[in-house]
Amino acid sequence: MSKESRGQRSNKEAARKNKRELERAILARALDESRKHGDTVKRQLVKNHDCPYCGYSLGEVPHADHIHPISKGGMSTMQNMVYVCAKCNLKKSNLTLSAFLRAHNLNRDLVEKRLINLGKDV
């Protein structure tokens, strides 16, 4: 099998995995269990990075954040969740990313670059 064929198969497998994850998140939202489902997703998130919002250490007790808040229609998926420092998470609360960045005068390009480097769609 050629490298290209393996790459196509890998891309298809990743697409199927993302589809299944999205379906589980949609079901959790329909059952009003998004936060509970978020606990499952949270266990899969990596913590070996700095806070994507402020750029400082995650600290002793990092928080899992929904980049697009549950209260605004966001879902508990790997793409929509990331570990952030407690200070940023408490300041962000249920703000959208755009509103949070404006409210705290953060550099949108830099924050988006950090999130993209963590594999998040922004």
C-alpha atoms as a PDB file:
ATOM      1  CA  MET A   1       0.000   0.000   0.000  1.00  0.00           C
ATOM      2  CA  SER A   2       1.371   3.406  -0.959  1.00  0.00           C
ATOM      3  CA  LYS A   3       1.948   6.254   1.479  1.00  0.00           C
ATOM      4  CA  GLU A   4      -0.844   8.180  -0.237  1.00  0.00           C
ATOM      5  CA  SER A   5      -3.307   5.295   0.216  1.00  0.00           C
ATOM      6  CA  ARG A   6      -2.347   4.966   3.886  1.00  0.00           C
ATOM      7  CA  GLY A   7      -2.782   8.704   4.320  1.00  0.00           C
ATOM      8  CA  GLN A   8      -6.226   8.629   2.712  1.00  0.00           C
ATOM      9  CA  ARG A   9      -7.264   5.715   4.926  1.00  0.00           C
ATOM     10  CA  SER A  10      -5.951   7.526   7.990  1.00  0.00           C
ATOM     11  CA  ASN A  11      -7.893  10.665   7.021  1.00  0.00           C
ATOM     12  CA  LYS A  12     -11.082   8.637   6.569  1.00  0.00           C
ATOM     13  CA  GLU A  13     -10.602   6.969   9.953  1.00  0.00           C
ATOM     14  CA  ALA A  14     -10.063  10.357  11.606  1.00  0.00           C
ATOM     15  CA  ALA A  15     -13.198  11.719   9.911  1.00  0.00           C
ATOM     16  CA  ARG A  16     -15.238   8.743  11.162  1.00  0.00           C
ATOM     17  CA  LYS A  17     -13.880   9.200  14.679  1.00  0.00           C
ATOM     18  CA  ASN A  18     -14.746  12.922  14.626  1.00  0.00           C
ATOM     19  CA  LYS A  19     -18.241  12.126  13.356  1.00  0.00           C
ATOM     20  CA  ARG A  20     -18.830   9.616  16.174  1.00  0.00           C
ATOM     21  CA  GLU A  21     -17.545  12.128  18.725  1.00  0.00           C
ATOM     22  CA  LEU A  22     -19.881  14.806  17.362  1.00  0.00           C
ATOM     23  CA  GLU A  23     -22.826  12.393  17.448  1.00  0.00           C
ATOM     24  CA  ARG A  24     -22.103  11.594  21.120  1.00  0.00           C
ATOM     25  CA  ALA A  25     -21.885  15.308  21.926  1.00  0.00           C
ATOM     26  CA  ILE A  26     -25.188  16.009  20.145  1.00  0.00           C
ATOM     27  CA  LEU A  27     -26.873  13.190  22.048  1.00  0.00           C
ATOM     28  CA  ALA A  28     -25.470  14.475  25.348  1.00  0.00           C
ATOM     29  CA  ARG A  29     -26.797  17.953  24.550  1.00  0.00           C
ATOM     30  CA  ALA A  30     -30.238  16.555  23.673  1.00  0.00           C
ATOM     31  CA  LEU A  31     -30.305  14.680  26.995  1.00  0.00           C
ATOM     32  CA  ASP A  32     -29.088  17.791  28.872  1.00  0.00           C
ATOM     33  CA  GLU A  33     -25.917  15.895  29.837  1.00  0.00           C
ATOM     34  CA  SER A  34     -23.301  18.064  28.104  1.00  0.00           C
ATOM     35  CA  ARG A  35     -21.397  18.790  31.301  1.00  0.00           C
ATOM     36  CA  LYS A  36     -21.368  15.101  32.253  1.00  0.00           C
ATOM     37  CA  HIS A  37     -20.141  14.204  28.767  1.00  0.00           C
ATOM     38  CA  GLY A  38     -17.544  16.980  29.130  1.00  0.00           C
ATOM     39  CA  ASP A  39     -15.998  15.075  32.032  1.00  0.00           C
ATOM     40  CA  THR A  40     -15.388  12.164  29.654  1.00  0.00           C
ATOM     41  CA  VAL A  41     -13.807  14.411  27.032  1.00  0.00           C
ATOM     42  CA  LYS A  42     -11.758  16.240  29.663  1.00  0.00           C
ATOM     43  CA  ARG A  43      -9.921  13.023  30.564  1.00  0.00           C
ATOM     44  CA  GLN A  44      -8.638  12.838  26.981  1.00  0.00           C
ATOM     45  CA  LEU A  45      -7.299  16.397  26.808  1.00  0.00           C
ATOM     46  CA  VAL A  46      -3.581  17.060  27.068  1.00  0.00           C
ATOM     47  CA  LYS A  47      -2.176  19.253  29.836  1.00  0.00           C
ATOM     48  CA  ASN A  48       1.404  19.608  28.626  1.00  0.00           C
ATOM     49  CA  HIS A  49       1.111  23.156  27.325  1.00  0.00           C
ATOM     50  CA  ASP A  50       0.802  26.713  28.563  1.00  0.00           C
ATOM     51  CA  CYS A  51      -2.568  28.424  28.833  1.00  0.00           C
ATOM     52  CA  PRO A  52      -3.644  29.198  25.262  1.00  0.00           C
ATOM     53  CA  TYR A  53      -5.381  32.373  26.421  1.00  0.00           C
ATOM     54  CA  CYS A  54      -2.746  34.196  28.503  1.00  0.00           C
ATOM     55  CA  GLY A  55       0.352  32.199  27.491  1.00  0.00           C
ATOM     56  CA  TYR A  56       1.406  31.464  31.080  1.00  0.00           C
ATOM     57  CA  SER A  57       1.602  28.108  32.859  1.00  0.00           C
ATOM     58  CA  LEU A  58      -1.587  26.117  33.401  1.00  0.00           C
ATOM     59  CA  GLY A  59      -0.699  26.136  37.092  1.00  0.00           C
ATOM     60  CA  GLU A  60      -1.336  23.501  39.733  1.00  0.00           C
ATOM     61  CA  VAL A  61      -5.040  23.042  38.994  1.00  0.00           C
ATOM     62  CA  PRO A  62      -5.811  23.666  35.327  1.00  0.00           C
ATOM     63  CA  HIS A  63      -9.439  23.959  34.242  1.00  0.00           C
ATOM     64  CA  ALA A  64     -11.026  22.351  31.194  1.00  0.00           C
ATOM     65  CA  ASP A  65     -12.733  25.098  29.210  1.00  0.00           C
ATOM     66  CA  HIS A  66     -15.374  24.920  26.505  1.00  0.00           C
ATOM     67  CA  ILE A  67     -13.943  27.340  23.931  1.00  0.00           C
ATOM     68  CA  HIS A  68     -17.491  27.955  22.692  1.00  0.00           C
ATOM     69  CA  PRO A  69     -19.550  27.808  25.910  1.00  0.00           C
ATOM     70  CA  ILE A  70     -22.255  25.201  26.493  1.00  0.00           C
ATOM     71  CA  SER A  71     -24.607  28.057  27.401  1.00  0.00           C
ATOM     72  CA  LYS A  72     -24.086  29.511  23.928  1.00  0.00           C
ATOM     73  CA  GLY A  73     -24.589  26.232  22.034  1.00  0.00           C
ATOM     74  CA  GLY A  74     -21.089  24.781  22.297  1.00  0.00           C
ATOM     75  CA  MET A  75     -20.606  21.068  22.743  1.00  0.00           C
ATOM     76  CA  SER A  76     -18.299  18.833  24.716  1.00  0.00           C
ATOM     77  CA  THR A  77     -15.928  17.717  21.966  1.00  0.00           C
ATOM     78  CA  MET A  78     -12.151  17.500  21.745  1.00  0.00           C
ATOM     79  CA  GLN A  79     -12.225  20.391  19.252  1.00  0.00           C
ATOM     80  CA  ASN A  80     -14.207  22.615  21.625  1.00  0.00           C
ATOM     81  CA  MET A  81     -12.431  21.849  24.901  1.00  0.00           C
ATOM     82  CA  VAL A  82      -8.982  22.813  26.099  1.00  0.00           C
ATOM     83  CA  TYR A  83      -7.148  23.075  29.399  1.00  0.00           C
ATOM     84  CA  VAL A  84      -6.559  26.671  30.504  1.00  0.00           C
ATOM     85  CA  CYS A  85      -5.261  28.262  33.677  1.00  0.00           C
ATOM     86  CA  ALA A  86      -7.780  28.743  36.482  1.00  0.00           C
ATOM     87  CA  LYS A  87      -7.458  32.532  36.316  1.00  0.00           C
ATOM     88  CA  CYS A  88      -8.396  32.681  32.622  1.00  0.00           C
ATOM     89  CA  ASN A  89     -11.199  30.165  32.994  1.00  0.00           C
ATOM     90  CA  LEU A  90     -12.775  32.122  35.837  1.00  0.00           C
ATOM     91  CA  LYS A  91     -12.486  35.374  33.865  1.00  0.00           C
ATOM     92  CA  LYS A  92     -13.896  33.785  30.703  1.00  0.00           C
ATOM     93  CA  SER A  93     -16.856  32.201  32.493  1.00  0.00           C
ATOM     94  CA  ASN A  94     -19.547  31.729  29.837  1.00  0.00           C
ATOM     95  CA  LEU A  95     -18.222  34.389  27.445  1.00  0.00           C
ATOM     96  CA  THR A  96     -17.585  33.483  23.842  1.00  0.00           C
ATOM     97  CA  LEU A  97     -13.927  33.510  22.887  1.00  0.00           C
ATOM     98  CA  SER A  98     -14.384  36.781  20.985  1.00  0.00           C
ATOM     99  CA  ALA A  99     -16.108  38.491  23.907  1.00  0.00           C
ATOM    100  CA  PHE A 100     -13.439  37.224  26.337  1.00  0.00           C
ATOM    101  CA  LEU A 101     -10.601  38.457  24.131  1.00  0.00           C
ATOM    102  CA  ARG A 102     -12.213  41.897  23.777  1.00  0.00           C
ATOM    103  CA  ALA A 103     -13.088  42.192  27.474  1.00  0.00           C
ATOM    104  CA  HIS A 104      -9.523  41.436  28.554  1.00  0.00           C
ATOM    105  CA  ASN A 105      -7.699  43.088  25.652  1.00  0.00           C
ATOM    106  CA  LEU A 106      -5.989  39.849  24.566  1.00  0.00           C
ATOM    107  CA  ASN A 107      -4.283  39.398  21.196  1.00  0.00           C
ATOM    108  CA  ARG A 108      -6.763  37.437  19.053  1.00  0.00           C
ATOM    109  CA  ASP A 109      -4.152  36.303  16.500  1.00  0.00           C
ATOM    110  CA  LEU A 110      -1.838  34.995  19.212  1.00  0.00           C
ATOM    111  CA  VAL A 111      -4.611  33.155  21.090  1.00  0.00           C
ATOM    112  CA  GLU A 112      -5.930  31.624  17.872  1.00  0.00           C
ATOM    113  CA  LYS A 113      -2.407  30.527  16.911  1.00  0.00           C
ATOM    114  CA  ARG A 114      -1.986  28.810  20.291  1.00  0.00           C
ATOM    115  CA  LEU A 115      -5.349  27.067  19.956  1.00  0.00           C
ATOM    116  CA  ILE A 116      -4.570  25.948  16.395  1.00  0.00           C
ATOM    117  CA  ASN A 117      -1.202  24.591  17.578  1.00  0.00           C
ATOM    118  CA  LEU A 118      -3.206  22.496  20.087  1.00  0.00           C
ATOM    119  CA  GLY A 119      -5.299  21.136  17.216  1.00  0.00           C
ATOM    120  CA  LYS A 120      -8.400  23.235  17.910  1.00  0.00           C
ATOM    121  CA  ASP A 121     -10.578  24.683  15.164  1.00  0.00           C
ATOM    122  CA  VAL A 122     -11.154  28.377  15.805  1.00  0.00           C
END
